[in-house]
C-alpha atoms as a PDB file:
ATOM      1  CA  MET A   1       0.000   0.000   0.000  1.00  0.00           C
ATOM      2  CA  ASN A   2       1.260   3.478  -0.862  1.00  0.00           C
ATOM      3  CA  THR A   3       1.863   5.192   2.473  1.00  0.00           C
ATOM      4  CA  GLU A   4       2.398   8.547   0.789  1.00  0.00           C
ATOM      5  CA  ALA A   5      -1.131   8.340  -0.601  1.00  0.00           C
ATOM      6  CA  LEU A   6      -2.390   7.674   2.908  1.00  0.00           C
ATOM      7  CA  SER A   7      -0.597  10.594   4.532  1.00  0.00           C
ATOM      8  CA  ASP A   8      -3.084  13.314   3.676  1.00  0.00           C
ATOM      9  CA  ALA A   9      -6.167  12.690   5.812  1.00  0.00           C
ATOM     10  CA  GLY A  10      -5.747  15.766   7.966  1.00  0.00           C
ATOM     11  CA  SER A  11      -3.748  17.418  10.713  1.00  0.00           C
ATOM     12  CA  TYR A  12      -2.153  14.418  12.466  1.00  0.00           C
ATOM     13  CA  LYS A  13       0.832  12.715  10.826  1.00  0.00           C
ATOM     14  CA  PHE A  14       2.726  10.277  13.020  1.00  0.00           C
ATOM     15  CA  GLY A  15       6.329  10.039  11.833  1.00  0.00           C
ATOM     16  CA  LYS A  16       6.577  13.796  11.310  1.00  0.00           C
ATOM     17  CA  PHE A  17       6.970  14.616  14.998  1.00  0.00           C
ATOM     18  CA  GLU A  18      10.330  15.947  16.157  1.00  0.00           C
ATOM     19  CA  LYS A  19      10.400  13.192  18.797  1.00  0.00           C
ATOM     20  CA  ASN A  20       8.352  10.253  17.512  1.00  0.00           C
ATOM     21  CA  ALA A  21       9.300   7.973  20.416  1.00  0.00           C
ATOM     22  CA  GLU A  22       7.871  10.504  22.868  1.00  0.00           C
ATOM     23  CA  GLU A  23       4.695  10.818  20.794  1.00  0.00           C
ATOM     24  CA  LEU A  24       4.276   7.029  20.757  1.00  0.00           C
ATOM     25  CA  ALA A  25       4.646   6.997  24.552  1.00  0.00           C
ATOM     26  CA  ARG A  26       2.006   9.749  24.761  1.00  0.00           C
ATOM     27  CA  LEU A  27      -0.372   7.719  22.568  1.00  0.00           C
ATOM     28  CA  LYS A  28       0.042   4.704  24.832  1.00  0.00           C
ATOM     29  CA  LEU A  29      -0.549   6.831  27.920  1.00  0.00           C
ATOM     30  CA  GLN A  30      -3.580   8.466  26.301  1.00  0.00           C
ATOM     31  CA  ALA A  31      -4.979   5.012  25.532  1.00  0.00           C
ATOM     32  CA  THR A  32      -4.588   3.701  29.074  1.00  0.00           C
ATOM     33  CA  VAL A  33      -4.951   6.668  31.421  1.00  0.00           C
ATOM     34  CA  ALA A  34      -8.755   6.776  31.258  1.00  0.00           C
ATOM     35  CA  ILE A  35      -9.505   3.226  30.143  1.00  0.00           C
ATOM     36  CA  ASP A  36     -12.125   2.736  32.875  1.00  0.00           C
ATOM     37  CA  LEU A  37     -14.018   5.744  31.520  1.00  0.00           C
ATOM     38  CA  GLU A  38     -13.790   4.363  27.994  1.00  0.00           C
ATOM     39  CA  ARG A  39     -15.071   0.954  29.061  1.00  0.00           C
ATOM     40  CA  GLU A  40     -18.050   2.715  30.634  1.00  0.00           C
ATOM     41  CA  VAL A  41     -18.555   4.710  27.414  1.00  0.00           C
ATOM     42  CA  TRP A  42     -18.534   1.505  25.353  1.00  0.00           C
ATOM     43  CA  LYS A  43     -21.050  -0.159  27.646  1.00  0.00           C
ATOM     44  CA  ASN A  44     -23.380   2.848  27.650  1.00  0.00           C
ATOM     45  CA  SER A  45     -23.086   3.132  23.867  1.00  0.00           C
ATOM     46  CA  GLY A  46     -24.273  -0.436  23.363  1.00  0.00           C
ATOM     47  CA  LEU A  47     -21.075  -2.450  22.928  1.00  0.00           C
ATOM     48  CA  LYS A  48     -21.679  -6.106  23.816  1.00  0.00           C
ATOM     49  CA  PRO A  49     -19.775  -9.409  23.747  1.00  0.00           C
ATOM     50  CA  GLY A  50     -19.941 -11.133  20.385  1.00  0.00           C
ATOM     51  CA  MET A  51     -20.051  -7.954  18.308  1.00  0.00           C
ATOM     52  CA  ASN A  52     -17.970  -7.374  15.182  1.00  0.00           C
ATOM     53  CA  VAL A  53     -16.149  -4.071  15.886  1.00  0.00           C
ATOM     54  CA  LEU A  54     -14.207  -1.612  13.721  1.00  0.00           C
ATOM     55  CA  ASP A  55     -11.704   0.707  15.438  1.00  0.00           C
ATOM     56  CA  VAL A  56     -10.935   3.497  12.949  1.00  0.00           C
ATOM     57  CA  ALA A  57      -7.654   5.396  13.300  1.00  0.00           C
ATOM     58  CA  CYS A  58      -6.612   2.709  15.773  1.00  0.00           C
ATOM     59  CA  GLY A  59      -3.073   4.098  16.092  1.00  0.00           C
ATOM     60  CA  PRO A  60      -0.710   1.765  17.965  1.00  0.00           C
ATOM     61  CA  GLY A  61      -3.524  -0.661  18.743  1.00  0.00           C
ATOM     62  CA  PHE A  62      -3.721  -0.413  22.530  1.00  0.00           C
ATOM     63  CA  THR A  63      -7.406   0.556  22.544  1.00  0.00           C
ATOM     64  CA  ALA A  64      -8.299  -2.042  19.913  1.00  0.00           C
ATOM     65  CA  CYS A  65      -6.814  -4.737  22.156  1.00  0.00           C
ATOM     66  CA  GLU A  66      -8.994  -3.525  25.052  1.00  0.00           C
ATOM     67  CA  LEU A  67     -12.026  -3.592  22.769  1.00  0.00           C
ATOM     68  CA  ALA A  68     -11.154  -7.163  21.800  1.00  0.00           C
ATOM     69  CA  LYS A  69     -11.078  -8.207  25.447  1.00  0.00           C
ATOM     70  CA  THR A  70     -14.468  -6.557  25.965  1.00  0.00           C
ATOM     71  CA  VAL A  71     -16.251  -8.256  23.051  1.00  0.00           C
ATOM     72  CA  GLU A  72     -14.775 -11.633  24.139  1.00  0.00           C
ATOM     73  CA  HIS A  73     -15.819 -14.060  21.368  1.00  0.00           C
ATOM     74  CA  GLY A  74     -16.508 -11.168  18.986  1.00  0.00           C
ATOM     75  CA  THR A  75     -13.902  -9.640  16.664  1.00  0.00           C
ATOM     76  CA  VAL A  76     -12.140  -6.285  16.339  1.00  0.00           C
ATOM     77  CA  THR A  77     -10.571  -4.837  13.195  1.00  0.00           C
ATOM     78  CA  GLY A  78      -8.185  -1.913  13.682  1.00  0.00           C
ATOM     79  CA  VAL A  79      -7.555   0.395  10.726  1.00  0.00           C
ATOM     80  CA  ASP A  80      -5.024   3.219  10.601  1.00  0.00           C
ATOM     81  CA  ILE A  81      -3.560   5.426   7.910  1.00  0.00           C
ATOM     82  CA  ASN A  82       0.001   4.998   9.177  1.00  0.00           C
ATOM     83  CA  GLU A  83       1.804   1.712   8.534  1.00  0.00           C
ATOM     84  CA  GLU A  84       4.378   2.412  11.266  1.00  0.00           C
ATOM     85  CA  LEU A  85       1.562   2.473  13.813  1.00  0.00           C
ATOM     86  CA  ILE A  86       0.039  -0.685  12.330  1.00  0.00           C
ATOM     87  CA  PHE A  87       3.390  -2.409  12.928  1.00  0.00           C
ATOM     88  CA  VAL A  88       3.311  -1.275  16.570  1.00  0.00           C
ATOM     89  CA  ALA A  89      -0.315  -2.472  16.810  1.00  0.00           C
ATOM     90  CA  HIS A  90       0.715  -5.995  15.822  1.00  0.00           C
ATOM     91  CA  GLN A  91       3.297  -5.896  18.612  1.00  0.00           C
ATOM     92  CA  ALA A  92       0.609  -4.752  21.052  1.00  0.00           C
ATOM     93  CA  LYS A  93      -1.580  -7.690  20.020  1.00  0.00           C
ATOM     94  CA  THR A  94       1.238 -10.106  20.830  1.00  0.00           C
ATOM     95  CA  ALA A  95       2.064  -8.395  24.118  1.00  0.00           C
ATOM     96  CA  GLU A  96      -1.595  -8.325  25.229  1.00  0.00           C
ATOM     97  CA  LYS A  97      -2.150 -11.945  24.097  1.00  0.00           C
ATOM     98  CA  VAL A  98      -5.433 -11.245  22.321  1.00  0.00           C
ATOM     99  CA  GLN A  99      -6.377 -13.355  19.309  1.00  0.00           C
ATOM    100  CA  ASN A 100      -9.635 -11.741  18.196  1.00  0.00           C
ATOM    101  CA  VAL A 101      -8.129  -8.517  16.853  1.00  0.00           C
ATOM    102  CA  SER A 102      -6.547  -7.793  13.462  1.00  0.00           C
ATOM    103  CA  PHE A 103      -4.948  -4.686  11.986  1.00  0.00           C
ATOM    104  CA  GLN A 104      -4.630  -3.234   8.515  1.00  0.00           C
ATOM    105  CA  ALA A 105      -3.632   0.040   6.861  1.00  0.00           C
ATOM    106  CA  GLY A 106      -6.567   2.031   5.555  1.00  0.00           C
ATOM    107  CA  ASN A 107      -7.960   5.470   4.882  1.00  0.00           C
ATOM    108  CA  LEU A 108     -11.238   6.776   6.285  1.00  0.00           C
ATOM    109  CA  TYR A 109     -11.827   8.498   2.963  1.00  0.00           C
ATOM    110  CA  ASP A 110     -11.570   5.189   1.103  1.00  0.00           C
ATOM    111  CA  LEU A 111     -12.407   2.331   3.466  1.00  0.00           C
ATOM    112  CA  ASN A 112     -11.575  -0.946   1.747  1.00  0.00           C
ATOM    113  CA  LEU A 113     -14.026  -2.961   3.860  1.00  0.00           C
ATOM    114  CA  PRO A 114     -17.265  -4.806   3.083  1.00  0.00           C
ATOM    115  CA  GLU A 115     -20.493  -2.851   3.435  1.00  0.00           C
ATOM    116  CA  ASN A 116     -22.957  -3.799   6.208  1.00  0.00           C
ATOM    117  CA  SER A 117     -20.336  -5.803   8.109  1.00  0.00           C
ATOM    118  CA  PHE A 118     -19.788  -4.171  11.537  1.00  0.00           C
ATOM    119  CA  ASP A 119     -22.031  -3.994  14.610  1.00  0.00           C
ATOM    120  CA  PHE A 120     -20.031  -1.210  16.263  1.00  0.00           C
ATOM    121  CA  VAL A 121     -17.589   1.410  14.954  1.00  0.00           C
ATOM    122  CA  TYR A 122     -15.363   3.323  17.366  1.00  0.00           C
ATOM    123  CA  ALA A 123     -13.707   6.604  16.318  1.00  0.00           C
ATOM    124  CA  ARG A 124     -11.414   7.886  19.041  1.00  0.00           C
ATOM    125  CA  PHE A 125      -9.779  11.334  18.757  1.00  0.00           C
ATOM    126  CA  VAL A 126      -9.686  11.167  14.959  1.00  0.00           C
ATOM    127  CA  PHE A 127     -12.433  13.543  13.807  1.00  0.00           C
ATOM    128  CA  GLN A 128     -10.541  16.543  15.220  1.00  0.00           C
ATOM    129  CA  HIS A 129      -7.884  15.846  12.568  1.00  0.00           C
ATOM    130  CA  LEU A 130     -10.093  15.287   9.513  1.00  0.00           C
ATOM    131  CA  GLU A 131     -10.404  17.753   6.667  1.00  0.00           C
ATOM    132  CA  LYS A 132     -13.473  15.910   5.366  1.00  0.00           C
ATOM    133  CA  PRO A 133     -15.460  14.572   8.338  1.00  0.00           C
ATOM    134  CA  ASP A 134     -18.631  14.239   6.265  1.00  0.00           C
ATOM    135  CA  VAL A 135     -16.906  11.868   3.822  1.00  0.00           C
ATOM    136  CA  ALA A 136     -15.593   9.806   6.737  1.00  0.00           C
ATOM    137  CA  LEU A 137     -19.077   9.582   8.292  1.00  0.00           C
ATOM    138  CA  SER A 138     -20.579   8.468   4.995  1.00  0.00           C
ATOM    139  CA  ASN A 139     -17.971   5.707   4.626  1.00  0.00           C
ATOM    140  CA  ILE A 140     -18.432   4.570   8.216  1.00  0.00           C
ATOM    141  CA  ARG A 141     -22.188   4.393   7.719  1.00  0.00           C
ATOM    142  CA  LYS A 142     -21.693   2.130   4.689  1.00  0.00           C
ATOM    143  CA  VAL A 143     -19.686  -0.482   6.606  1.00  0.00           C
ATOM    144  CA  LEU A 144     -22.101  -0.543   9.561  1.00  0.00           C
ATOM    145  CA  LYS A 145     -24.799  -3.176   9.616  1.00  0.00           C
ATOM    146  CA  PRO A 146     -28.404  -1.947   9.802  1.00  0.00           C
ATOM    147  CA  GLY A 147     -28.934  -1.198  13.479  1.00  0.00           C
ATOM    148  CA  GLY A 148     -25.164  -0.854  13.952  1.00  0.00           C
ATOM    149  CA  ILE A 149     -23.729   1.762  16.306  1.00  0.00           C
ATOM    150  CA  LEU A 150     -21.175   4.509  15.701  1.00  0.00           C
ATOM    151  CA  CYS A 151     -19.437   5.900  18.786  1.00  0.00           C
ATOM    152  CA  VAL A 152     -17.247   8.989  18.300  1.00  0.00           C
ATOM    153  CA  LEU A 153     -15.060  10.220  21.153  1.00  0.00           C
ATOM    154  CA  ASP A 154     -13.399  13.600  20.682  1.00  0.00           C
ATOM    155  CA  ILE A 155     -12.487  17.000  22.096  1.00  0.00           C
ATOM    156  CA  ASP A 156     -13.660  20.619  22.064  1.00  0.00           C
ATOM    157  CA  ASP A 157     -11.145  23.253  23.119  1.00  0.00           C
ATOM    158  CA  ASN A 158     -13.922  25.490  24.435  1.00  0.00           C
ATOM    159  CA  TRP A 159     -14.061  22.987  27.301  1.00  0.00           C
ATOM    160  CA  THR A 160     -10.322  23.006  28.036  1.00  0.00           C
ATOM    161  CA  SER A 161      -8.956  25.139  30.901  1.00  0.00           C
ATOM    162  CA  PHE A 162      -6.025  25.513  33.271  1.00  0.00           C
ATOM    163  CA  SER A 163      -5.123  27.784  36.196  1.00  0.00           C
ATOM    164  CA  PRO A 164      -2.916  29.569  37.329  1.00  0.00           C
ATOM    165  CA  GLU A 165      -1.600  31.367  34.231  1.00  0.00           C
ATOM    166  CA  SER A 166      -4.947  31.001  32.472  1.00  0.00           C
ATOM    167  CA  ALA A 167      -4.091  33.805  30.026  1.00  0.00           C
ATOM    168  CA  ALA A 168      -0.899  32.071  28.835  1.00  0.00           C
ATOM    169  CA  PHE A 169      -2.720  28.738  28.649  1.00  0.00           C
ATOM    170  CA  VAL A 170      -5.662  30.097  26.629  1.00  0.00           C
ATOM    171  CA  SER A 171      -3.303  31.926  24.266  1.00  0.00           C
ATOM    172  CA  PHE A 172      -1.332  28.729  23.623  1.00  0.00           C
ATOM    173  CA  ILE A 173      -4.476  26.633  23.164  1.00  0.00           C
ATOM    174  CA  ARG A 174      -5.930  29.092  20.642  1.00  0.00           C
ATOM    175  CA  LYS A 175      -2.709  29.469  18.679  1.00  0.00           C
ATOM    176  CA  SER A 176      -2.088  25.720  18.485  1.00  0.00           C
ATOM    177  CA  GLY A 177      -5.749  25.187  17.555  1.00  0.00           C
ATOM    178  CA  ALA A 178      -5.339  27.675  14.712  1.00  0.00           C
ATOM    179  CA  GLY A 179      -2.227  25.783  13.611  1.00  0.00           C
ATOM    180  CA  GLN A 180      -4.155  22.520  13.599  1.00  0.00           C
ATOM    181  CA  LYS A 181      -6.928  24.166  11.589  1.00  0.00           C
ATOM    182  CA  ARG A 182      -4.409  25.269   8.936  1.00  0.00           C
ATOM    183  CA  LYS A 183      -3.411  21.611   8.612  1.00  0.00           C
ATOM    184  CA  GLY A 184      -7.018  20.533   8.136  1.00  0.00           C
ATOM    185  CA  GLY A 185      -8.040  19.833  11.732  1.00  0.00           C
ATOM    186  CA  ASN A 186     -10.776  21.163  14.003  1.00  0.00           C
ATOM    187  CA  ARG A 187     -10.221  21.412  17.770  1.00  0.00           C
ATOM    188  CA  LEU A 188     -13.874  22.427  18.255  1.00  0.00           C
ATOM    189  CA  ILE A 189     -15.317  19.299  16.636  1.00  0.00           C
ATOM    190  CA  GLY A 190     -16.808  17.860  19.850  1.00  0.00           C
ATOM    191  CA  SER A 191     -19.813  20.161  20.017  1.00  0.00           C
ATOM    192  CA  GLN A 192     -20.361  19.863  16.241  1.00  0.00           C
ATOM    193  CA  LEU A 193     -20.640  16.074  16.116  1.00  0.00           C
ATOM    194  CA  PHE A 194     -24.346  15.969  17.000  1.00  0.00           C
ATOM    195  CA  GLU A 195     -25.207  17.983  13.900  1.00  0.00           C
ATOM    196  CA  LYS A 196     -22.760  16.135  11.659  1.00  0.00           C
ATOM    197  CA  LEU A 197     -24.069  12.667  12.556  1.00  0.00           C
ATOM    198  CA  ASN A 198     -27.652  13.819  12.030  1.00  0.00           C
ATOM    199  CA  LYS A 199     -26.818  15.254   8.610  1.00  0.00           C
ATOM    200  CA  ALA A 200     -24.953  12.065   7.678  1.00  0.00           C
ATOM    201  CA  GLY A 201     -28.169  10.091   8.169  1.00  0.00           C
ATOM    202  CA  PHE A 202     -27.552   8.502  11.551  1.00  0.00           C
ATOM    203  CA  LYS A 203     -30.534   7.966  13.853  1.00  0.00           C
ATOM    204  CA  ASN A 204     -30.909   8.217  17.635  1.00  0.00           C
ATOM    205  CA  VAL A 205     -27.995  10.669  17.778  1.00  0.00           C
ATOM    206  CA  SER A 206     -26.883  11.669  21.261  1.00  0.00           C
ATOM    207  CA  THR A 207     -23.946  13.647  22.692  1.00  0.00           C
ATOM    208  CA  LYS A 208     -22.690  13.414  26.258  1.00  0.00           C
ATOM    209  CA  ILE A 209     -19.764  15.243  27.881  1.00  0.00           C
ATOM    210  CA  HIS A 210     -17.367  13.569  30.312  1.00  0.00           C
ATOM    211  CA  PRO A 211     -15.114  15.965  32.265  1.00  0.00           C
ATOM    212  CA  ILE A 212     -11.501  14.964  32.873  1.00  0.00           C
ATOM    213  CA  THR A 213      -9.560  17.004  35.443  1.00  0.00           C
ATOM    214  CA  THR A 214      -6.115  17.182  36.979  1.00  0.00           C
ATOM    215  CA  GLU A 215      -7.639  15.657  40.103  1.00  0.00           C
ATOM    216  CA  THR A 216      -8.064  12.493  38.053  1.00  0.00           C
ATOM    217  CA  LEU A 217      -4.914  12.597  35.917  1.00  0.00           C
ATOM    218  CA  GLY A 218      -2.518  14.679  37.967  1.00  0.00           C
ATOM    219  CA  VAL A 219      -1.238  18.012  36.664  1.00  0.00           C
ATOM    220  CA  ARG A 220       1.877  16.696  34.931  1.00  0.00           C
ATOM    221  CA  MET A 221       0.019  13.957  33.102  1.00  0.00           C
ATOM    222  CA  PHE A 222      -2.782  16.362  32.141  1.00  0.00           C
ATOM    223  CA  LEU A 223      -0.306  18.730  30.487  1.00  0.00           C
ATOM    224  CA  GLY A 224       1.654  15.923  28.847  1.00  0.00           C
ATOM    225  CA  VAL A 225      -1.276  14.007  27.402  1.00  0.00           C
ATOM    226  CA  ALA A 226      -3.660  16.818  26.547  1.00  0.00           C
ATOM    227  CA  VAL A 227      -1.596  19.944  25.977  1.00  0.00           C
ATOM    228  CA  LEU A 228       2.134  19.948  25.232  1.00  0.00           C
ATOM    229  CA  PHE A 229       1.976  17.737  22.095  1.00  0.00           C
ATOM    230  CA  ARG A 230       0.173  20.680  20.442  1.00  0.00           C
ATOM    231  CA  LEU A 231       3.574  22.269  19.892  1.00  0.00           C
ATOM    232  CA  GLU A 232       3.687  20.158  16.727  1.00  0.00           C
ATOM    233  CA  PHE A 233       0.957  22.350  15.223  1.00  0.00           C
ATOM    234  CA  LEU A 234       3.106  25.487  15.547  1.00  0.00           C
ATOM    235  CA  THR A 235       5.807  26.690  13.157  1.00  0.00           C
ATOM    236  CA  LYS A 236       9.402  26.842  14.410  1.00  0.00           C
ATOM    237  CA  LEU A 237       9.078  30.602  14.820  1.00  0.00           C
ATOM    238  CA  GLN A 238       5.812  30.254  16.761  1.00  0.00           C
ATOM    239  CA  LYS A 239       7.441  27.699  19.057  1.00  0.00           C
ATOM    240  CA  LEU A 240      10.163  30.195  19.882  1.00  0.00           C
ATOM    241  CA  ILE A 241       7.635  32.975  20.415  1.00  0.00           C
ATOM    242  CA  PHE A 242       5.497  30.841  22.707  1.00  0.00           C
ATOM    243  CA  MET A 243       8.350  29.407  24.755  1.00  0.00           C
ATOM    244  CA  PRO A 244       8.034  32.082  27.510  1.00  0.00           C
ATOM    245  CA  GLN A 245       4.310  31.293  27.835  1.00  0.00           C
ATOM    246  CA  LEU A 246       4.979  27.562  28.008  1.00  0.00           C
ATOM    247  CA  LEU A 247       7.560  28.157  30.714  1.00  0.00           C
ATOM    248  CA  LYS A 248       4.920  30.128  32.633  1.00  0.00           C
ATOM    249  CA  ILE A 249       2.471  27.227  32.285  1.00  0.00           C
ATOM    250  CA  LYS A 250       5.065  24.674  33.406  1.00  0.00           C
ATOM    251  CA  LYS A 251       6.011  26.809  36.405  1.00  0.00           C
ATOM    252  CA  ALA A 252       2.326  27.285  37.278  1.00  0.00           C
ATOM    253  CA  SER A 253       1.851  23.501  37.140  1.00  0.00           C
ATOM    254  CA  GLU A 254       4.166  23.220  40.159  1.00  0.00           C
ATOM    255  CA  SER A 255       1.777  25.276  42.293  1.00  0.00           C
ATOM    256  CA  PRO A 256      -0.403  23.381  44.813  1.00  0.00           C
ATOM    257  CA  ASP A 257      -3.291  25.461  43.425  1.00  0.00           C
ATOM    258  CA  ALA A 258      -2.832  24.205  39.847  1.00  0.00           C
ATOM    259  CA  TRP A 259      -5.989  22.768  38.312  1.00  0.00           C
ATOM    260  CA  GLY A 260      -7.051  21.953  34.765  1.00  0.00           C
ATOM    261  CA  SER A 261      -9.877  20.244  32.928  1.00  0.00           C
ATOM    262  CA  LEU A 262     -11.051  19.172  29.516  1.00  0.00           C
ATOM    263  CA  GLY A 263     -14.332  17.865  28.181  1.00  0.00           C
ATOM    264  CA  ILE A 264     -14.495  14.539  26.364  1.00  0.00           C
ATOM    265  CA  PHE A 265     -17.432  14.549  23.943  1.00  0.00           C
ATOM    266  CA  VAL A 266     -19.059  11.186  23.182  1.00  0.00           C
ATOM    267  CA  THR A 267     -21.496  11.177  20.284  1.00  0.00           C
ATOM    268  CA  THR A 268     -23.379   8.055  19.253  1.00  0.00           C
ATOM    269  CA  GLY A 269     -25.766   7.239  16.434  1.00  0.00           C
ATOM    270  CA  THR A 270     -27.248   4.186  14.736  1.00  0.00           C
ATOM    271  CA  LYS A 271     -27.719   3.140  11.131  1.00  0.00           C
ATOM    272  CA  ASP A 272     -31.341   2.511  10.195  1.00  0.00           C
END
């Protein structure tokens, strides 16, 4: 498969990070730090043992392996645009000793999968990166069985906050969000998903918000998982310009009064 042809889905391109090993570690941490919340999300969204599940933009496969454990005698197919991450996903499958999960390279804009074949599709932190979310939703709807469930988990920066140094934090969040937008992404997608699923023809659409705070993650982990990776959406000059603000944020994170939060948006819909 031509990886170059698969590299243009939107604002996230693993392999282009200055420190890819650190980004892979962040992805693993992101996949495990709130796994209990995700299991609850899956249950409330209708995931059940025996289902045939598609994990789109599965990344390094950690979440797909957890899904496979949850569906027990069901199956999970993980698809990602990046073949390096698919390689890591196969390693995760071996390490986690799960047999009912498989991985393949694929593009949400051209899903090479049979129509009407999945009971449940999970899209985790991918829609914020897509230039063409409507095309992705249409393709997902095709591969769902009638009555099948789509569950989208994503972010909205309007629900992201940190204090002290709120002004520096907000400035950095907005600038990095603008950088992601220039690359085709949308850091405000969470609150827009309800409308997008409705317009794509999904039924029974519902959006719920799950708050995540530093009281749950710890301040350092909150900044590492949810914030500092956004430097990749800035130009080299912007990184230099924003370094004093980032130093303010890091210093503020050492305060006993430091507190931050973000909202995880979960939108579900079914295919009629």
